[in-house]
N, C-alpha and C. Protein backbone atom coordinates (compact mmCIF):
# COMPACT_ATOMS: atom_id res chain seq x y z
N MET A 1 63.27 46.36 29.50
CA MET A 1 63.12 45.11 29.66
C MET A 1 61.57 45.11 29.40
N ALA A 2 60.58 45.98 30.21
CA ALA A 2 59.38 46.25 29.91
C ALA A 2 58.83 46.27 28.68
N SER A 3 59.91 47.53 28.07
CA SER A 3 59.42 48.09 26.72
C SER A 3 59.67 46.56 25.75
N LEU A 4 60.40 45.65 25.58
CA LEU A 4 60.79 44.81 25.04
C LEU A 4 59.46 43.85 25.08
N ALA A 5 59.06 43.56 26.42
CA ALA A 5 58.32 42.47 26.44
C ALA A 5 56.48 43.09 25.93
N VAL A 6 56.51 44.15 26.36
CA VAL A 6 55.22 44.62 25.31
C VAL A 6 55.61 44.69 23.71
N LEU A 7 56.69 45.12 23.44
CA LEU A 7 56.85 44.86 22.12
C LEU A 7 56.59 43.60 21.02
N ALA A 8 57.07 42.72 22.32
CA ALA A 8 57.24 41.20 21.55
C ALA A 8 55.54 41.09 21.80
N MET A 9 54.87 41.52 22.73
CA MET A 9 53.29 40.98 23.01
C MET A 9 52.50 41.12 21.46
N SER A 10 53.04 42.49 21.29
CA SER A 10 52.35 43.32 20.05
C SER A 10 52.28 42.52 18.64
N VAL A 11 53.58 41.83 18.79
CA VAL A 11 54.42 41.68 17.25
C VAL A 11 53.80 40.19 17.51
N ALA A 12 53.42 39.52 18.57
CA ALA A 12 52.81 38.19 18.63
C ALA A 12 51.31 38.41 18.12
N ALA A 13 50.42 39.29 18.80
CA ALA A 13 49.12 39.41 18.58
C ALA A 13 48.90 39.56 17.16
N ALA A 14 50.13 40.68 16.77
CA ALA A 14 49.92 40.90 15.27
C ALA A 14 49.79 39.51 14.57
N ALA A 15 50.81 38.73 14.78
CA ALA A 15 50.93 37.50 13.95
C ALA A 15 50.00 36.40 14.12
N GLU A 16 48.98 36.70 15.21
CA GLU A 16 47.96 35.54 15.48
C GLU A 16 46.85 35.82 14.62
N PRO A 17 46.12 34.65 13.46
CA PRO A 17 45.29 35.20 12.56
C PRO A 17 44.14 35.33 13.12
N GLN A 18 43.30 36.29 12.43
CA GLN A 18 42.29 36.63 12.62
C GLN A 18 41.25 36.10 12.26
N LYS A 19 40.20 35.95 13.24
CA LYS A 19 39.00 35.02 13.05
C LYS A 19 38.17 36.30 12.36
N ASP A 20 37.60 35.44 10.82
CA ASP A 20 36.53 36.20 9.99
C ASP A 20 34.77 36.07 10.91
N ALA A 21 34.47 37.31 11.31
CA ALA A 21 33.51 37.56 11.72
C ALA A 21 32.34 37.28 11.13
N ARG A 22 32.56 37.26 9.12
CA ARG A 22 31.40 36.66 8.55
C ARG A 22 30.60 35.51 8.83
N PRO A 23 29.99 35.39 8.34
CA PRO A 23 28.96 34.01 8.92
C PRO A 23 29.37 33.40 7.67
N ASP A 24 29.84 31.36 7.82
CA ASP A 24 30.01 31.09 6.80
C ASP A 24 28.93 30.46 5.97
N PRO A 25 28.92 30.69 4.65
CA PRO A 25 27.81 30.63 3.96
C PRO A 25 27.76 29.01 3.70
N GLY A 26 28.62 28.09 3.86
CA GLY A 26 28.47 26.74 3.96
C GLY A 26 27.45 26.49 4.94
N GLY A 27 27.44 27.04 6.10
CA GLY A 27 26.66 26.48 7.67
C GLY A 27 25.32 27.48 7.40
N VAL A 28 25.51 28.59 7.15
CA VAL A 28 24.02 29.11 6.60
C VAL A 28 23.09 28.22 5.78
N LEU A 29 23.92 27.71 4.60
CA LEU A 29 22.86 26.85 3.65
C LEU A 29 22.81 25.46 4.12
N ALA A 30 23.29 24.85 5.14
CA ALA A 30 23.19 24.05 5.69
C ALA A 30 22.17 23.24 5.67
N VAL A 31 21.41 23.96 6.31
CA VAL A 31 19.80 23.30 6.70
C VAL A 31 19.11 23.47 5.72
N PRO A 32 18.86 24.35 4.66
CA PRO A 32 18.22 24.47 3.62
C PRO A 32 18.41 22.93 2.54
N ARG A 33 19.75 23.19 2.62
CA ARG A 33 20.14 22.02 1.66
C ARG A 33 19.88 20.18 2.26
N ALA A 34 19.99 20.64 3.47
CA ALA A 34 19.64 19.30 4.35
C ALA A 34 17.74 18.87 4.27
N ILE A 35 17.04 19.82 4.34
CA ILE A 35 15.87 19.91 3.74
C ILE A 35 15.65 19.60 2.42
N ALA A 36 15.98 20.45 1.50
CA ALA A 36 15.74 19.87 0.09
C ALA A 36 16.52 18.60 -0.34
N ARG A 37 17.30 17.88 0.14
CA ARG A 37 17.61 16.72 -0.14
C ARG A 37 16.65 15.73 0.59
N TYR A 38 16.14 15.95 1.73
CA TYR A 38 15.25 15.09 2.17
C TYR A 38 14.03 15.21 1.49
N VAL A 39 13.76 16.42 1.15
CA VAL A 39 12.20 16.21 0.57
C VAL A 39 12.14 15.21 -0.91
N GLY A 40 13.77 16.08 -1.40
CA GLY A 40 13.80 15.00 -3.02
C GLY A 40 13.66 13.29 -2.77
N GLU A 41 14.38 13.18 -1.55
CA GLU A 41 14.12 11.93 -1.32
C GLU A 41 12.91 11.38 -1.36
N ARG A 42 11.99 11.68 -0.60
CA ARG A 42 10.63 11.56 -0.13
C ARG A 42 10.01 11.40 -1.62
N VAL A 43 10.16 12.45 -2.37
CA VAL A 43 9.29 12.39 -3.53
C VAL A 43 9.83 11.25 -4.76
N ASN A 44 11.19 10.80 -4.52
CA ASN A 44 11.59 9.87 -5.22
C ASN A 44 11.04 8.36 -4.61
N ASP A 45 11.19 8.57 -3.07
CA ASP A 45 10.20 7.37 -2.85
C ASP A 45 8.51 6.84 -3.13
N LEU A 46 8.35 8.43 -3.16
CA LEU A 46 6.96 8.36 -3.75
C LEU A 46 6.45 7.95 -5.31
N LEU A 47 7.64 8.34 -6.35
CA LEU A 47 7.38 7.96 -7.50
C LEU A 47 7.77 6.19 -7.61
N ASP A 48 8.55 6.08 -6.81
CA ASP A 48 8.83 4.44 -6.96
C ASP A 48 7.50 3.92 -6.50
N VAL A 49 6.35 4.29 -5.96
CA VAL A 49 5.71 3.54 -5.45
C VAL A 49 4.32 3.41 -6.54
N PHE A 50 4.29 4.42 -7.49
CA PHE A 50 3.72 4.15 -8.39
C PHE A 50 4.05 3.69 -9.87
N GLU A 51 3.42 3.30 -11.01
CA GLU A 51 3.59 3.22 -12.14
C GLU A 51 2.13 3.55 -12.97
N VAL A 52 2.12 5.00 -13.75
CA VAL A 52 1.32 5.06 -14.59
C VAL A 52 1.67 5.14 -15.80
N ASN A 53 1.31 4.75 -16.78
CA ASN A 53 1.60 4.96 -18.35
C ASN A 53 0.37 4.79 -19.37
N VAL A 54 0.70 5.23 -20.41
CA VAL A 54 -0.31 4.67 -21.53
C VAL A 54 1.00 3.97 -22.62
N GLY A 55 0.46 3.31 -23.46
CA GLY A 55 1.01 2.71 -24.40
C GLY A 55 0.16 2.23 -25.70
N ILE A 56 0.83 2.61 -27.00
CA ILE A 56 0.17 2.34 -28.03
C ILE A 56 1.18 1.40 -29.08
N GLY A 57 0.82 0.23 -29.76
CA GLY A 57 1.60 -0.54 -30.65
C GLY A 57 0.75 -2.03 -30.70
N ARG A 58 1.00 -2.83 -31.52
CA ARG A 58 0.49 -3.93 -31.84
C ARG A 58 0.29 -5.17 -30.53
N GLY A 59 -0.98 -5.97 -30.32
CA GLY A 59 -1.21 -6.50 -29.65
C GLY A 59 -2.51 -6.23 -28.46
N ALA A 60 -2.73 -7.12 -27.88
CA ALA A 60 -3.90 -7.21 -27.10
C ALA A 60 -3.39 -7.60 -25.46
N LYS A 61 -3.77 -6.98 -24.57
CA LYS A 61 -4.09 -7.59 -23.05
C LYS A 61 -4.68 -6.95 -22.40
N ILE A 62 -5.01 -7.99 -21.03
CA ILE A 62 -5.85 -7.72 -20.00
C ILE A 62 -5.14 -8.41 -19.40
N ASP A 63 -4.99 -7.35 -17.80
CA ASP A 63 -4.00 -8.08 -16.58
C ASP A 63 -4.89 -7.30 -15.33
N VAL A 64 -4.61 -7.88 -14.36
CA VAL A 64 -5.15 -7.82 -12.98
C VAL A 64 -4.43 -8.34 -11.65
N LYS A 65 -3.60 -7.24 -11.29
CA LYS A 65 -2.51 -8.10 -10.16
C LYS A 65 -3.18 -7.60 -8.87
N TYR A 66 -3.03 -8.59 -8.35
CA TYR A 66 -3.79 -8.11 -6.75
C TYR A 66 -2.60 -8.84 -5.65
N GLY A 67 -1.00 -8.36 -5.80
CA GLY A 67 -0.44 -8.82 -4.40
C GLY A 67 0.26 -9.86 -4.64
N VAL A 68 -0.73 -11.13 -4.44
CA VAL A 68 -0.23 -12.66 -3.89
C VAL A 68 0.42 -13.37 -5.58
N GLN A 69 -0.90 -12.66 -6.55
CA GLN A 69 -0.68 -13.12 -7.77
C GLN A 69 -1.40 -12.71 -8.84
N PHE A 70 -1.85 -12.91 -10.08
CA PHE A 70 -1.98 -11.93 -11.17
C PHE A 70 -2.83 -13.07 -12.01
N PHE A 71 -3.89 -12.11 -12.55
CA PHE A 71 -4.89 -12.72 -13.50
C PHE A 71 -4.62 -11.99 -14.81
N GLY A 72 -3.97 -12.41 -16.02
CA GLY A 72 -3.51 -11.41 -17.16
C GLY A 72 -3.31 -12.71 -18.39
N LEU A 73 -3.65 -12.02 -19.39
CA LEU A 73 -3.08 -12.93 -20.48
C LEU A 73 -3.02 -11.98 -21.74
N GLY A 74 -1.83 -12.19 -22.50
CA GLY A 74 -1.44 -11.25 -23.81
C GLY A 74 -0.29 -10.99 -24.24
N ASP A 75 -0.42 -10.22 -25.21
CA ASP A 75 0.83 -10.22 -25.87
C ASP A 75 1.37 -8.98 -26.57
N VAL A 76 2.13 -7.86 -26.06
CA VAL A 76 1.94 -6.74 -26.67
C VAL A 76 3.39 -6.26 -26.81
N ARG A 77 3.67 -5.09 -28.17
CA ARG A 77 4.79 -4.48 -28.46
C ARG A 77 4.55 -3.71 -28.55
N SER A 78 5.06 -2.48 -27.36
CA SER A 78 4.38 -0.88 -27.60
C SER A 78 5.52 -0.03 -27.51
N ARG A 79 5.04 1.45 -27.61
CA ARG A 79 5.66 2.06 -26.99
C ARG A 79 5.29 2.82 -26.08
N ARG A 80 5.81 2.99 -24.68
CA ARG A 80 4.46 3.54 -23.77
C ARG A 80 5.39 5.00 -23.07
N LEU A 81 4.38 5.76 -22.62
CA LEU A 81 4.86 7.32 -21.80
C LEU A 81 4.29 7.23 -20.76
N GLY A 82 5.04 7.59 -19.57
CA GLY A 82 4.29 7.68 -18.25
C GLY A 82 5.83 7.47 -17.38
N THR A 83 5.23 6.93 -16.05
CA THR A 83 6.42 7.12 -14.95
C THR A 83 6.66 5.41 -14.96
N ILE A 84 7.96 5.75 -14.32
CA ILE A 84 8.60 4.07 -14.23
C ILE A 84 9.93 4.65 -13.35
N ASP A 85 10.18 3.73 -12.26
CA ASP A 85 11.71 3.49 -12.08
C ASP A 85 12.02 5.17 -11.61
N ARG A 86 11.27 5.73 -10.63
CA ARG A 86 11.07 7.19 -10.03
C ARG A 86 11.17 8.26 -11.30
N ARG A 87 10.97 7.92 -12.37
CA ARG A 87 11.56 8.81 -13.73
C ARG A 87 10.14 8.77 -14.57
N VAL A 88 10.12 9.88 -15.07
CA VAL A 88 8.96 10.00 -16.19
C VAL A 88 9.36 10.14 -17.96
N GLY A 89 9.09 9.31 -18.68
CA GLY A 89 9.59 9.45 -19.72
C GLY A 89 8.55 8.57 -20.67
N TYR A 90 9.60 8.03 -21.98
CA TYR A 90 8.86 7.13 -22.78
C TYR A 90 9.73 5.87 -23.20
N TRP A 91 9.41 4.73 -23.74
CA TRP A 91 10.54 3.79 -23.78
C TRP A 91 9.20 2.71 -24.36
N ARG A 92 10.37 1.70 -25.34
CA ARG A 92 10.06 0.69 -25.68
C ARG A 92 9.71 -0.39 -24.78
N GLU A 93 8.70 -1.52 -24.81
CA GLU A 93 8.53 -2.62 -24.36
C GLU A 93 7.91 -3.45 -25.09
N ASN A 94 8.13 -4.75 -24.90
CA ASN A 94 7.67 -6.16 -25.21
C ASN A 94 7.26 -6.80 -23.66
N ASP A 95 5.85 -7.12 -23.75
CA ASP A 95 5.13 -7.74 -22.64
C ASP A 95 4.71 -9.03 -23.34
N SER A 96 4.84 -10.11 -22.47
CA SER A 96 3.76 -11.34 -22.84
C SER A 96 3.64 -11.97 -21.21
N GLU A 97 2.51 -12.34 -21.36
CA GLU A 97 2.23 -13.01 -19.53
C GLU A 97 1.09 -13.97 -20.02
N ILE A 98 1.02 -14.63 -19.09
CA ILE A 98 0.19 -15.76 -18.98
C ILE A 98 -0.42 -16.04 -17.47
N GLY A 99 -1.39 -15.61 -17.09
CA GLY A 99 -1.63 -16.14 -15.72
C GLY A 99 -3.35 -15.90 -15.57
N LEU A 100 -3.65 -17.33 -15.08
CA LEU A 100 -5.20 -17.83 -15.55
C LEU A 100 -5.93 -18.00 -14.28
N LEU A 101 -5.44 -18.45 -13.11
CA LEU A 101 -6.07 -18.78 -12.08
C LEU A 101 -7.22 -18.11 -11.51
N PRO A 102 -8.30 -18.89 -11.63
CA PRO A 102 -8.60 -20.52 -11.17
C PRO A 102 -8.78 -21.09 -13.14
N LEU A 103 -8.94 -20.45 -13.57
CA LEU A 103 -9.46 -20.65 -14.84
C LEU A 103 -8.37 -22.01 -15.12
N SER A 104 -7.57 -21.93 -15.23
CA SER A 104 -6.38 -22.86 -15.47
C SER A 104 -6.34 -24.05 -15.15
N LEU A 105 -6.84 -24.43 -14.10
CA LEU A 105 -7.39 -25.41 -13.25
C LEU A 105 -8.19 -26.76 -14.20
N LEU A 106 -9.08 -25.99 -15.34
CA LEU A 106 -9.99 -26.51 -15.93
C LEU A 106 -8.84 -27.21 -16.87
N ALA A 107 -7.94 -27.08 -17.46
CA ALA A 107 -7.26 -27.44 -18.32
C ALA A 107 -6.68 -29.16 -17.99
N TRP A 108 -6.33 -29.13 -16.56
CA TRP A 108 -6.24 -30.75 -16.12
C TRP A 108 -7.01 -31.69 -16.86
N PRO A 109 -8.53 -31.54 -16.81
CA PRO A 109 -9.00 -32.74 -17.07
C PRO A 109 -8.50 -32.73 -18.91
N VAL A 110 -8.39 -31.42 -19.44
CA VAL A 110 -8.19 -32.01 -20.72
C VAL A 110 -7.06 -32.21 -21.20
N HIS A 111 -5.78 -32.27 -20.19
CA HIS A 111 -4.79 -33.17 -20.15
C HIS A 111 -4.49 -34.46 -19.89
N TYR A 112 -5.30 -35.01 -19.13
CA TYR A 112 -5.42 -36.29 -18.90
C TYR A 112 -6.40 -36.87 -20.23
N GLY A 113 -7.73 -36.29 -20.08
CA GLY A 113 -8.01 -37.05 -21.39
C GLY A 113 -7.78 -37.11 -22.74
N ALA A 114 -6.84 -36.05 -22.88
CA ALA A 114 -6.11 -36.20 -24.33
C ALA A 114 -4.70 -36.86 -24.21
N ARG A 115 -4.25 -37.13 -22.98
CA ARG A 115 -3.39 -38.25 -22.76
C ARG A 115 -4.11 -39.79 -23.02
N GLU A 116 -5.09 -39.72 -22.37
CA GLU A 116 -5.57 -41.11 -22.43
C GLU A 116 -6.03 -41.50 -24.46
N LEU A 117 -6.26 -40.26 -25.20
CA LEU A 117 -6.97 -40.74 -26.46
C LEU A 117 -5.64 -40.47 -27.35
N GLY A 118 -4.64 -40.46 -26.77
CA GLY A 118 -3.19 -40.44 -27.56
C GLY A 118 -3.20 -39.04 -28.23
N ALA A 119 -3.38 -38.13 -28.03
CA ALA A 119 -3.37 -36.68 -28.38
C ALA A 119 -2.04 -36.03 -27.97
N ARG A 120 -1.02 -36.12 -28.16
CA ARG A 120 0.33 -35.95 -27.24
C ARG A 120 0.35 -34.29 -27.11
N ARG A 121 -0.20 -33.75 -28.16
CA ARG A 121 0.26 -32.10 -28.55
C ARG A 121 -0.97 -31.68 -27.66
N LEU A 122 -1.96 -31.90 -28.18
CA LEU A 122 -3.14 -31.19 -26.69
C LEU A 122 -2.80 -31.65 -25.72
N ALA A 123 -2.43 -32.97 -25.26
CA ALA A 123 -1.88 -32.82 -23.81
C ALA A 123 -1.09 -32.06 -23.11
N ALA A 124 -0.06 -32.00 -24.31
CA ALA A 124 1.01 -31.32 -23.86
C ALA A 124 0.83 -29.74 -23.60
N ASP A 125 -0.20 -29.21 -24.53
CA ASP A 125 -0.45 -27.65 -24.60
C ASP A 125 -1.38 -27.37 -23.10
N ALA A 126 -2.50 -28.52 -23.10
CA ALA A 126 -2.92 -28.37 -22.06
C ALA A 126 -2.25 -28.27 -20.58
N LYS A 127 -1.16 -29.08 -20.80
CA LYS A 127 -0.72 -29.32 -18.97
C LYS A 127 0.31 -27.68 -19.31
N PHE A 128 0.98 -27.59 -20.13
CA PHE A 128 1.28 -25.90 -19.87
C PHE A 128 0.32 -24.85 -19.71
N VAL A 129 -0.94 -25.01 -20.27
CA VAL A 129 -1.97 -23.91 -19.12
C VAL A 129 -2.14 -24.08 -17.99
N ALA A 130 -2.26 -25.43 -17.88
CA ALA A 130 -2.69 -25.63 -16.32
C ALA A 130 -1.57 -25.51 -15.20
N GLU A 131 -0.03 -25.86 -16.07
CA GLU A 131 1.11 -25.58 -14.91
C GLU A 131 1.40 -23.57 -14.47
N THR A 132 1.72 -23.48 -16.13
CA THR A 132 2.05 -21.84 -16.13
C THR A 132 1.41 -21.16 -16.07
N GLY A 133 -0.24 -21.31 -16.39
CA GLY A 133 -1.33 -20.54 -15.96
C GLY A 133 -1.28 -20.46 -14.90
N SER A 134 -1.40 -21.61 -14.16
CA SER A 134 -1.38 -21.65 -12.59
C SER A 134 -0.33 -20.59 -11.95
N ASP A 135 0.60 -21.04 -12.27
CA ASP A 135 1.53 -20.19 -11.44
C ASP A 135 2.08 -18.66 -11.78
N GLY A 136 1.50 -18.40 -13.15
CA GLY A 136 1.49 -17.25 -13.42
C GLY A 136 2.65 -16.75 -14.47
N LEU A 137 2.89 -16.08 -15.16
CA LEU A 137 4.53 -15.65 -15.95
C LEU A 137 4.37 -14.65 -16.61
N GLN A 138 5.15 -13.82 -16.74
CA GLN A 138 5.64 -12.56 -17.47
C GLN A 138 7.05 -12.44 -17.72
N LEU A 139 6.93 -11.77 -19.27
CA LEU A 139 8.06 -11.72 -19.53
C LEU A 139 7.88 -10.27 -19.86
N LEU A 140 9.12 -9.62 -19.45
CA LEU A 140 9.10 -7.89 -19.86
C LEU A 140 10.70 -7.81 -20.45
N ASP A 141 10.21 -6.73 -21.56
CA ASP A 141 11.95 -5.89 -22.09
C ASP A 141 11.26 -5.02 -22.13
N ARG A 142 12.25 -3.69 -21.35
CA ARG A 142 12.00 -2.71 -21.83
C ARG A 142 13.24 -1.87 -22.10
N LYS A 143 13.25 -1.20 -22.99
CA LYS A 143 14.44 -0.68 -23.64
C LYS A 143 14.56 1.19 -23.85
N GLU A 144 15.17 1.86 -24.16
CA GLU A 144 15.73 3.08 -24.46
C GLU A 144 14.57 3.88 -23.96
N LEU A 145 14.97 4.28 -22.48
CA LEU A 145 13.79 5.14 -21.93
C LEU A 145 14.25 6.62 -22.02
N ASN A 146 13.78 7.60 -22.65
CA ASN A 146 13.78 8.78 -22.85
C ASN A 146 15.07 8.59 -24.04
N ASP A 147 15.25 8.01 -24.83
CA ASP A 147 16.17 7.58 -26.26
C ASP A 147 17.35 7.30 -25.57
N ASP A 148 17.57 6.92 -24.12
CA ASP A 148 18.91 6.34 -23.72
C ASP A 148 19.22 5.05 -24.31
N PRO A 149 20.31 4.52 -25.22
CA PRO A 149 19.98 3.32 -25.52
C PRO A 149 20.54 2.07 -24.31
N GLU A 150 21.31 3.12 -23.05
CA GLU A 150 22.00 2.04 -22.04
C GLU A 150 21.23 1.49 -21.26
N PHE A 151 19.56 2.00 -21.53
CA PHE A 151 18.54 1.74 -20.17
C PHE A 151 17.82 0.58 -20.83
N LEU A 152 17.93 -0.43 -20.49
CA LEU A 152 17.75 -1.91 -20.66
C LEU A 152 17.16 -2.34 -19.42
N LEU A 153 15.94 -2.95 -19.25
CA LEU A 153 15.40 -3.61 -17.92
C LEU A 153 14.70 -5.03 -18.59
N LYS A 154 15.11 -6.22 -18.16
CA LYS A 154 14.31 -7.37 -18.55
C LYS A 154 13.98 -8.30 -17.38
N ASP A 155 12.46 -8.00 -17.11
CA ASP A 155 12.00 -8.54 -16.19
C ASP A 155 11.04 -9.91 -16.03
N THR A 156 11.70 -10.99 -15.32
CA THR A 156 10.70 -12.69 -15.45
C THR A 156 9.75 -12.45 -14.28
N VAL A 157 8.72 -12.37 -14.74
CA VAL A 157 7.96 -12.44 -13.62
C VAL A 157 7.54 -13.62 -13.12
N ASN A 158 7.52 -14.43 -11.77
CA ASN A 158 6.79 -15.68 -11.33
C ASN A 158 5.65 -15.22 -10.07
N GLY A 159 4.53 -15.42 -10.59
CA GLY A 159 3.42 -15.07 -10.22
C GLY A 159 3.67 -13.75 -9.29
N PRO A 160 3.74 -13.57 -8.03
CA PRO A 160 3.40 -12.06 -7.53
C PRO A 160 5.38 -11.61 -7.44
N VAL A 161 6.46 -12.54 -7.75
CA VAL A 161 7.74 -12.41 -7.31
C VAL A 161 8.41 -11.52 -8.90
N HIS A 162 9.28 -10.47 -8.59
CA HIS A 162 9.37 -10.14 -10.12
C HIS A 162 11.13 -10.15 -9.84
N ALA A 163 12.04 -9.54 -10.43
CA ALA A 163 13.32 -10.30 -10.70
C ALA A 163 13.76 -8.25 -9.42
N ARG A 164 13.64 -7.79 -8.93
CA ARG A 164 13.81 -6.85 -7.65
C ARG A 164 12.44 -7.13 -6.78
N TRP A 165 12.88 -7.25 -5.71
CA TRP A 165 11.82 -7.19 -4.36
C TRP A 165 11.33 -6.27 -4.68
N GLY A 166 11.79 -4.78 -5.08
CA GLY A 166 11.03 -3.86 -5.21
C GLY A 166 9.81 -3.52 -5.74
N ASP A 167 9.67 -4.29 -6.97
CA ASP A 167 8.68 -4.38 -7.91
C ASP A 167 7.76 -5.67 -7.71
N SER A 168 7.94 -6.62 -6.60
CA SER A 168 7.27 -7.47 -6.56
C SER A 168 5.74 -7.19 -5.20
N PHE A 169 4.94 -8.25 -5.98
CA PHE A 169 3.38 -8.34 -5.14
C PHE A 169 2.78 -7.10 -5.50
N PRO A 170 2.93 -6.56 -7.05
CA PRO A 170 2.27 -5.19 -7.33
C PRO A 170 0.77 -5.30 -7.15
N ILE A 171 0.10 -4.58 -7.29
CA ILE A 171 -1.31 -4.09 -6.88
C ILE A 171 -1.97 -2.88 -8.40
N GLY A 172 -2.47 -3.75 -9.28
CA GLY A 172 -3.35 -2.68 -10.16
C GLY A 172 -3.63 -3.87 -11.49
N ALA A 173 -3.76 -2.97 -12.62
CA ALA A 173 -4.26 -3.42 -13.63
C ALA A 173 -3.93 -2.65 -15.40
N GLU A 174 -4.28 -3.39 -15.99
CA GLU A 174 -3.97 -2.72 -17.78
C GLU A 174 -4.82 -3.50 -18.42
N VAL A 175 -5.38 -2.54 -19.49
CA VAL A 175 -6.12 -3.04 -20.78
C VAL A 175 -5.15 -2.37 -22.01
N HIS A 176 -5.38 -3.55 -22.78
CA HIS A 176 -4.48 -2.91 -24.09
C HIS A 176 -5.09 -3.25 -25.32
N VAL A 177 -5.27 -2.52 -26.07
CA VAL A 177 -5.98 -3.04 -27.50
C VAL A 177 -5.63 -1.92 -28.08
N GLY A 178 -4.58 -1.93 -29.05
CA GLY A 178 -3.61 -1.08 -30.10
C GLY A 178 -3.04 -0.38 -28.98
N VAL A 179 -4.35 0.31 -28.53
CA VAL A 179 -3.73 1.67 -27.16
C VAL A 179 -4.17 1.04 -25.61
N GLY A 180 -3.28 1.36 -24.86
CA GLY A 180 -3.41 0.56 -23.64
C GLY A 180 -3.05 1.43 -22.12
N VAL A 181 -3.50 1.37 -20.94
CA VAL A 181 -3.45 2.10 -19.79
C VAL A 181 -2.88 0.93 -18.83
N ARG A 182 -1.85 1.44 -18.01
CA ARG A 182 -1.79 0.54 -16.90
C ARG A 182 -1.37 1.89 -15.91
N VAL A 183 -1.96 1.31 -14.71
CA VAL A 183 -1.93 1.66 -13.38
C VAL A 183 -1.50 0.74 -12.35
N MET A 184 -0.11 1.11 -11.74
CA MET A 184 0.32 -0.37 -10.66
C MET A 184 0.72 0.69 -9.47
N LEU A 185 0.53 -0.28 -7.98
CA LEU A 185 0.88 0.23 -7.26
C LEU A 185 1.95 -0.90 -6.59
N ARG A 186 3.25 -0.25 -6.16
CA ARG A 186 3.99 -1.71 -5.41
C ARG A 186 4.35 -1.39 -4.22
N PRO A 187 3.37 -2.05 -3.15
CA PRO A 187 3.51 -2.24 -1.58
C PRO A 187 5.08 -2.11 -1.03
N LEU A 188 5.60 -2.74 -1.61
CA LEU A 188 7.23 -2.70 -0.71
C LEU A 188 7.62 -1.47 -1.00
N GLN A 189 7.32 -0.72 -2.11
CA GLN A 189 7.65 0.77 -2.13
C GLN A 189 7.17 1.79 -1.73
N LEU A 190 5.96 1.12 -1.29
CA LEU A 190 4.54 2.10 -0.35
C LEU A 190 5.42 1.89 1.07
N LEU A 191 6.00 0.91 1.58
CA LEU A 191 6.65 0.76 2.86
C LEU A 191 7.82 1.35 2.92
N ASP A 192 8.59 1.41 1.53
CA ASP A 192 9.81 2.35 2.08
C ASP A 192 9.71 3.56 2.12
N PHE A 193 8.64 3.76 1.26
CA PHE A 193 7.96 5.52 1.42
C PHE A 193 7.91 5.79 2.71
N ILE A 194 7.20 5.17 3.43
CA ILE A 194 6.50 5.76 4.63
C ILE A 194 8.10 5.61 5.62
N ALA A 195 8.58 4.61 5.83
CA ALA A 195 9.47 4.19 6.51
C ALA A 195 10.62 5.50 6.29
N GLY A 196 10.82 5.98 5.09
CA GLY A 196 11.93 7.18 5.08
C GLY A 196 11.43 8.22 6.04
N PHE A 197 10.10 8.36 6.54
CA PHE A 197 10.08 9.31 7.28
C PHE A 197 10.61 9.28 9.00
N ALA A 198 10.89 8.03 9.07
CA ALA A 198 11.75 8.02 10.18
C ALA A 198 13.20 7.36 9.94
N GLY A 199 13.59 8.02 9.05
CA GLY A 199 15.16 7.67 8.25
C GLY A 199 15.49 6.30 8.06
N ILE A 200 14.74 5.87 7.94
CA ILE A 200 15.03 4.30 7.53
C ILE A 200 14.83 3.97 5.75
N GLU A 201 15.95 3.52 5.31
CA GLU A 201 16.08 3.42 4.37
C GLU A 201 16.34 2.09 3.44
N LEU A 202 14.95 1.50 2.65
CA LEU A 202 14.70 0.14 2.06
C LEU A 202 15.30 0.00 0.72
N ASP A 203 15.90 1.15 0.29
CA ASP A 203 16.49 0.66 -1.25
C ASP A 203 17.54 -0.08 -1.59
N PRO A 204 18.35 -0.28 -0.94
CA PRO A 204 19.74 -1.54 -0.99
C PRO A 204 18.88 -2.50 -1.38
N TRP A 205 18.01 -2.86 -0.45
CA TRP A 205 16.97 -4.46 -0.33
C TRP A 205 16.23 -4.47 -1.25
N LEU A 206 15.38 -3.30 -1.80
CA LEU A 206 14.49 -3.69 -2.58
C LEU A 206 15.14 -3.68 -4.02
N ALA A 207 16.55 -3.32 -4.06
CA ALA A 207 16.72 -3.63 -5.45
C ALA A 207 17.47 -5.01 -5.67
N GLU A 208 17.38 -5.54 -4.69
CA GLU A 208 18.02 -7.28 -5.00
C GLU A 208 17.36 -8.07 -5.16
N CYS A 209 17.57 -9.08 -5.70
CA CYS A 209 16.96 -10.04 -6.47
C CYS A 209 16.50 -11.11 -5.55
N PRO A 210 15.02 -11.35 -5.73
CA PRO A 210 14.61 -12.21 -4.80
C PRO A 210 15.40 -13.72 -5.07
N SER A 211 15.97 -14.32 -4.00
CA SER A 211 16.24 -16.48 -4.85
C SER A 211 14.93 -17.03 -5.00
N ARG A 212 14.77 -17.66 -6.01
CA ARG A 212 14.00 -17.95 -6.81
C ARG A 212 14.23 -19.89 -6.64
């Protein structure tokens, strides 16, 4: 009986799965992969903060954005090369804007004077400059990033508020006369970059459209 018991224990031990003593490759690489993912996220968030690009195309424009409003005027049809939406590439862009505060306030006396004189067209134009120029309006149409026909971004800017929270309240400047340069910083994206070091992710909110 003792011999049978020893034999049964030997068979059970042989049937028991042996644990692999070799290190688990997934476990060894888990930490480097987590570090690489974290660094990649921080780099992407940093690229979201800045827009730096050059353009060539017809039209002229001057623009200064200072967070709560912008001062600018122009209409440009260009091809641009630089950074946009955490990517580097080239794209086609149509850009029209008017934002003339405080100079736009001078259009109100012209509006009222033209209305009294019966100059309806002049009165209407002056009113448009006074209202839209004070509020600030910009129409952006971006297409074909890196020859990708699926890339399309239309942005209607009312004062400092863009179509996405992440693009709103920008600070920067642009000058274009045939050839142009644009340098822009997005404060809300900068907040997301800083919050990311604490593990807080604001991207879902920044991608939302503000209610207007």
